């Protein structure tokens, strides 16, 4: 069974020809990149990490912590959190 999602309508058409009423979906794009890391030494460290499936525990920890910090300081992320906190 396939679901057609073209257009902005909340009505979706299944491959069987049936129509399905679904709620609208809101997307929020949150940019998380090394250039948003405030500390220049940390930013340089992250930018110089190899592209690899094998990183040291320290590198993984610094990547995760930096990503979380950049996300927390993102205006788009804060707006999303506020929107999700509002009662439906």
N, C-alpha and C. Protein backbone atom coordinates (compact mmCIF):
# COMPACT_ATOMS: atom_id res chain seq x y z
N UNK A 1 0.86 -1.17 0.00
CA UNK A 1 0.00 0.00 0.00
C UNK A 1 0.90 1.23 0.00
N UNK A 2 0.68 2.12 -0.93
CA UNK A 2 1.47 3.35 -1.02
C UNK A 2 0.63 4.54 -0.60
N UNK A 3 1.31 5.54 -0.09
CA UNK A 3 0.64 6.76 0.37
C UNK A 3 1.16 7.92 -0.44
N UNK A 4 0.28 8.62 -1.13
CA UNK A 4 0.66 9.80 -1.91
C UNK A 4 0.60 11.02 -1.02
N UNK A 5 1.70 11.79 -0.97
CA UNK A 5 1.74 12.95 -0.08
C UNK A 5 1.97 14.24 -0.84
N UNK A 6 1.63 14.28 -2.10
CA UNK A 6 1.86 15.50 -2.86
C UNK A 6 0.89 16.59 -2.43
N UNK A 7 1.32 17.83 -2.57
CA UNK A 7 0.49 18.96 -2.21
C UNK A 7 0.56 19.27 -0.74
N UNK A 8 -0.14 20.32 -0.34
CA UNK A 8 -0.10 20.74 1.05
C UNK A 8 -1.36 20.33 1.80
N UNK A 9 -2.27 19.68 1.14
CA UNK A 9 -3.51 19.27 1.77
C UNK A 9 -3.25 18.19 2.81
N UNK A 10 -4.10 18.14 3.82
CA UNK A 10 -3.97 17.09 4.82
C UNK A 10 -4.64 15.81 4.32
N UNK A 11 -5.23 15.85 3.13
CA UNK A 11 -5.85 14.64 2.57
C UNK A 11 -4.79 13.85 1.81
N UNK A 12 -4.70 12.59 2.09
CA UNK A 12 -3.73 11.72 1.45
C UNK A 12 -4.49 10.60 0.74
N UNK A 13 -3.94 10.17 -0.39
CA UNK A 13 -4.59 9.14 -1.18
C UNK A 13 -3.75 7.88 -1.14
N UNK A 14 -4.36 6.78 -0.76
CA UNK A 14 -3.69 5.49 -0.74
C UNK A 14 -3.67 4.92 -2.14
N UNK A 15 -2.74 4.00 -2.42
CA UNK A 15 -2.66 3.38 -3.75
C UNK A 15 -3.94 2.63 -4.09
N UNK A 16 -4.69 2.23 -3.10
CA UNK A 16 -5.95 1.52 -3.34
C UNK A 16 -7.06 2.47 -3.77
N UNK A 17 -6.79 3.78 -3.79
CA UNK A 17 -7.79 4.77 -4.18
C UNK A 17 -8.53 5.37 -3.01
N UNK A 18 -8.34 4.83 -1.82
CA UNK A 18 -8.99 5.36 -0.63
C UNK A 18 -8.32 6.67 -0.21
N UNK A 19 -9.12 7.56 0.35
CA UNK A 19 -8.57 8.81 0.87
C UNK A 19 -8.43 8.68 2.38
N UNK A 20 -7.38 9.27 2.89
CA UNK A 20 -7.07 9.19 4.30
C UNK A 20 -6.86 10.60 4.82
N UNK A 21 -7.56 10.99 5.86
CA UNK A 21 -7.41 12.32 6.44
C UNK A 21 -6.34 12.26 7.53
N UNK A 22 -5.26 12.97 7.32
CA UNK A 22 -4.16 12.99 8.27
C UNK A 22 -3.90 14.41 8.75
N UNK A 23 -3.37 14.57 9.94
CA UNK A 23 -3.05 15.93 10.41
C UNK A 23 -1.89 16.50 9.61
N UNK A 24 -1.85 17.81 9.51
CA UNK A 24 -0.75 18.48 8.83
C UNK A 24 0.54 18.24 9.61
N UNK A 25 1.64 18.23 8.90
CA UNK A 25 2.94 18.00 9.51
C UNK A 25 3.75 19.28 9.41
N UNK A 26 4.27 19.74 10.55
CA UNK A 26 5.16 20.90 10.56
C UNK A 26 6.59 20.41 10.73
N UNK A 27 7.48 20.91 9.88
CA UNK A 27 8.89 20.56 9.98
C UNK A 27 9.66 21.75 10.52
N UNK A 28 10.67 21.47 11.30
CA UNK A 28 11.57 22.50 11.79
C UNK A 28 12.99 22.08 11.43
N UNK A 29 13.69 22.93 10.73
CA UNK A 29 15.07 22.65 10.36
C UNK A 29 15.98 23.32 11.39
N UNK A 30 16.84 22.52 11.98
CA UNK A 30 17.78 23.03 12.98
C UNK A 30 19.18 22.74 12.48
N UNK A 31 19.92 23.79 12.19
CA UNK A 31 21.28 23.65 11.69
C UNK A 31 22.23 23.40 12.85
N UNK A 32 22.98 22.32 12.76
CA UNK A 32 24.00 22.01 13.75
C UNK A 32 25.28 21.74 12.96
N UNK A 33 26.20 22.69 13.01
CA UNK A 33 27.44 22.55 12.26
C UNK A 33 28.62 23.03 13.06
N UNK A 34 29.80 22.59 12.66
CA UNK A 34 31.00 22.96 13.40
C UNK A 34 31.23 24.47 13.41
N UNK A 35 30.81 25.15 12.35
CA UNK A 35 31.02 26.60 12.32
C UNK A 35 30.20 27.33 13.38
N UNK A 36 29.23 26.66 13.98
CA UNK A 36 28.42 27.27 15.04
C UNK A 36 29.03 27.05 16.43
N UNK A 37 30.13 26.31 16.52
CA UNK A 37 30.80 26.08 17.81
C UNK A 37 31.53 27.37 18.19
N UNK A 38 31.22 27.91 19.34
CA UNK A 38 31.74 29.22 19.75
C UNK A 38 33.25 29.21 20.03
N UNK A 39 33.75 28.18 20.64
CA UNK A 39 35.17 28.12 21.02
C UNK A 39 36.02 27.83 19.78
N UNK A 40 36.88 28.77 19.37
CA UNK A 40 37.65 28.58 18.14
C UNK A 40 38.59 27.37 18.18
N UNK A 41 39.17 27.07 19.33
CA UNK A 41 40.06 25.90 19.42
C UNK A 41 39.29 24.60 19.29
N UNK A 42 38.12 24.53 19.94
CA UNK A 42 37.28 23.35 19.83
C UNK A 42 36.76 23.19 18.40
N UNK A 43 36.33 24.30 17.80
CA UNK A 43 35.84 24.27 16.42
C UNK A 43 36.92 23.72 15.48
N UNK A 44 38.16 24.19 15.64
CA UNK A 44 39.26 23.71 14.80
C UNK A 44 39.51 22.22 15.05
N UNK A 45 39.48 21.81 16.31
CA UNK A 45 39.66 20.39 16.64
C UNK A 45 38.61 19.53 15.92
N UNK A 46 37.34 19.96 16.01
CA UNK A 46 36.25 19.19 15.40
C UNK A 46 36.38 19.17 13.88
N UNK A 47 36.72 20.30 13.29
CA UNK A 47 36.84 20.37 11.84
C UNK A 47 37.99 19.52 11.31
N UNK A 48 38.98 19.24 12.15
CA UNK A 48 40.12 18.46 11.72
C UNK A 48 40.02 16.97 12.07
N UNK A 49 38.89 16.56 12.66
CA UNK A 49 38.70 15.14 12.92
C UNK A 49 38.58 14.40 11.59
N UNK A 50 39.10 13.18 11.52
CA UNK A 50 38.97 12.43 10.27
C UNK A 50 37.53 11.97 10.08
N UNK A 51 37.16 11.78 8.83
CA UNK A 51 35.87 11.17 8.51
C UNK A 51 36.08 9.68 8.65
N UNK A 52 35.55 9.11 9.71
CA UNK A 52 35.86 7.73 10.03
C UNK A 52 34.76 7.12 10.87
N UNK A 53 34.63 5.81 10.77
CA UNK A 53 33.70 5.10 11.65
C UNK A 53 34.36 4.74 12.97
N UNK A 54 35.64 5.01 13.09
CA UNK A 54 36.39 4.69 14.30
C UNK A 54 37.00 5.98 14.84
N UNK A 55 36.46 6.46 15.95
CA UNK A 55 36.98 7.65 16.62
C UNK A 55 37.25 7.29 18.07
N UNK A 56 38.15 8.02 18.67
CA UNK A 56 38.44 7.79 20.08
C UNK A 56 37.23 8.17 20.93
N UNK A 57 37.19 7.62 22.14
CA UNK A 57 36.11 7.98 23.07
C UNK A 57 36.08 9.48 23.32
N UNK A 58 37.27 10.08 23.43
CA UNK A 58 37.36 11.53 23.66
C UNK A 58 36.75 12.29 22.49
N UNK A 59 37.07 11.89 21.27
CA UNK A 59 36.54 12.58 20.10
C UNK A 59 35.03 12.46 20.03
N UNK A 60 34.51 11.27 20.29
CA UNK A 60 33.06 11.07 20.27
C UNK A 60 32.40 11.92 21.35
N UNK A 61 32.97 11.94 22.53
CA UNK A 61 32.42 12.76 23.62
C UNK A 61 32.40 14.23 23.28
N UNK A 62 33.49 14.71 22.69
CA UNK A 62 33.56 16.13 22.32
C UNK A 62 32.58 16.46 21.21
N UNK A 63 32.43 15.55 20.24
CA UNK A 63 31.45 15.75 19.16
C UNK A 63 30.04 15.83 19.72
N UNK A 64 29.69 14.89 20.58
CA UNK A 64 28.34 14.85 21.14
C UNK A 64 28.06 16.09 21.99
N UNK A 65 29.01 16.46 22.84
CA UNK A 65 28.83 17.63 23.70
C UNK A 65 28.71 18.91 22.87
N UNK A 66 29.52 19.02 21.83
CA UNK A 66 29.49 20.21 20.98
C UNK A 66 28.17 20.29 20.22
N UNK A 67 27.71 19.16 19.70
CA UNK A 67 26.42 19.14 19.00
C UNK A 67 25.28 19.55 19.90
N UNK A 68 25.29 19.05 21.13
CA UNK A 68 24.24 19.41 22.09
C UNK A 68 24.29 20.90 22.42
N UNK A 69 25.50 21.43 22.58
CA UNK A 69 25.64 22.86 22.90
C UNK A 69 25.14 23.73 21.75
N UNK A 70 25.54 23.38 20.54
CA UNK A 70 25.10 24.15 19.37
C UNK A 70 23.59 24.09 19.25
N UNK A 71 23.02 22.91 19.46
CA UNK A 71 21.57 22.76 19.37
C UNK A 71 20.87 23.60 20.42
N UNK A 72 21.34 23.55 21.67
CA UNK A 72 20.71 24.34 22.74
C UNK A 72 20.74 25.83 22.46
N UNK A 73 21.76 26.31 21.77
CA UNK A 73 21.88 27.73 21.48
C UNK A 73 21.21 28.13 20.17
N UNK A 74 20.62 27.19 19.47
CA UNK A 74 19.95 27.46 18.20
C UNK A 74 18.58 28.10 18.45
N UNK A 75 18.34 29.23 17.81
CA UNK A 75 17.04 29.91 17.95
C UNK A 75 15.92 29.01 17.43
N UNK A 76 16.17 28.29 16.33
CA UNK A 76 15.15 27.40 15.77
C UNK A 76 14.80 26.28 16.76
N UNK A 77 15.81 25.74 17.44
CA UNK A 77 15.56 24.68 18.42
C UNK A 77 14.76 25.22 19.60
N UNK A 78 15.11 26.39 20.09
CA UNK A 78 14.37 26.98 21.22
C UNK A 78 12.92 27.24 20.84
N UNK A 79 12.69 27.72 19.62
CA UNK A 79 11.32 27.95 19.17
C UNK A 79 10.55 26.63 19.08
N UNK A 80 11.21 25.57 18.62
CA UNK A 80 10.57 24.27 18.55
C UNK A 80 10.19 23.78 19.94
N UNK A 81 11.09 23.90 20.88
CA UNK A 81 10.82 23.47 22.26
C UNK A 81 9.62 24.23 22.84
N UNK A 82 9.60 25.54 22.60
CA UNK A 82 8.47 26.35 23.08
C UNK A 82 7.17 25.91 22.43
N UNK A 83 7.21 25.66 21.12
CA UNK A 83 6.00 25.24 20.42
C UNK A 83 5.51 23.89 20.93
N UNK A 84 6.43 22.96 21.18
CA UNK A 84 6.04 21.65 21.68
C UNK A 84 5.52 21.71 23.11
N UNK A 85 5.95 22.70 23.87
CA UNK A 85 5.51 22.82 25.26
C UNK A 85 4.09 23.39 25.36
N UNK A 86 3.60 23.97 24.29
CA UNK A 86 2.26 24.56 24.33
C UNK A 86 1.21 23.45 24.30
N UNK A 87 0.17 23.61 25.11
CA UNK A 87 -0.90 22.59 25.10
C UNK A 87 -1.60 22.57 23.75
N UNK A 88 -1.97 21.40 23.34
CA UNK A 88 -2.65 21.23 22.04
C UNK A 88 -4.12 21.50 22.15
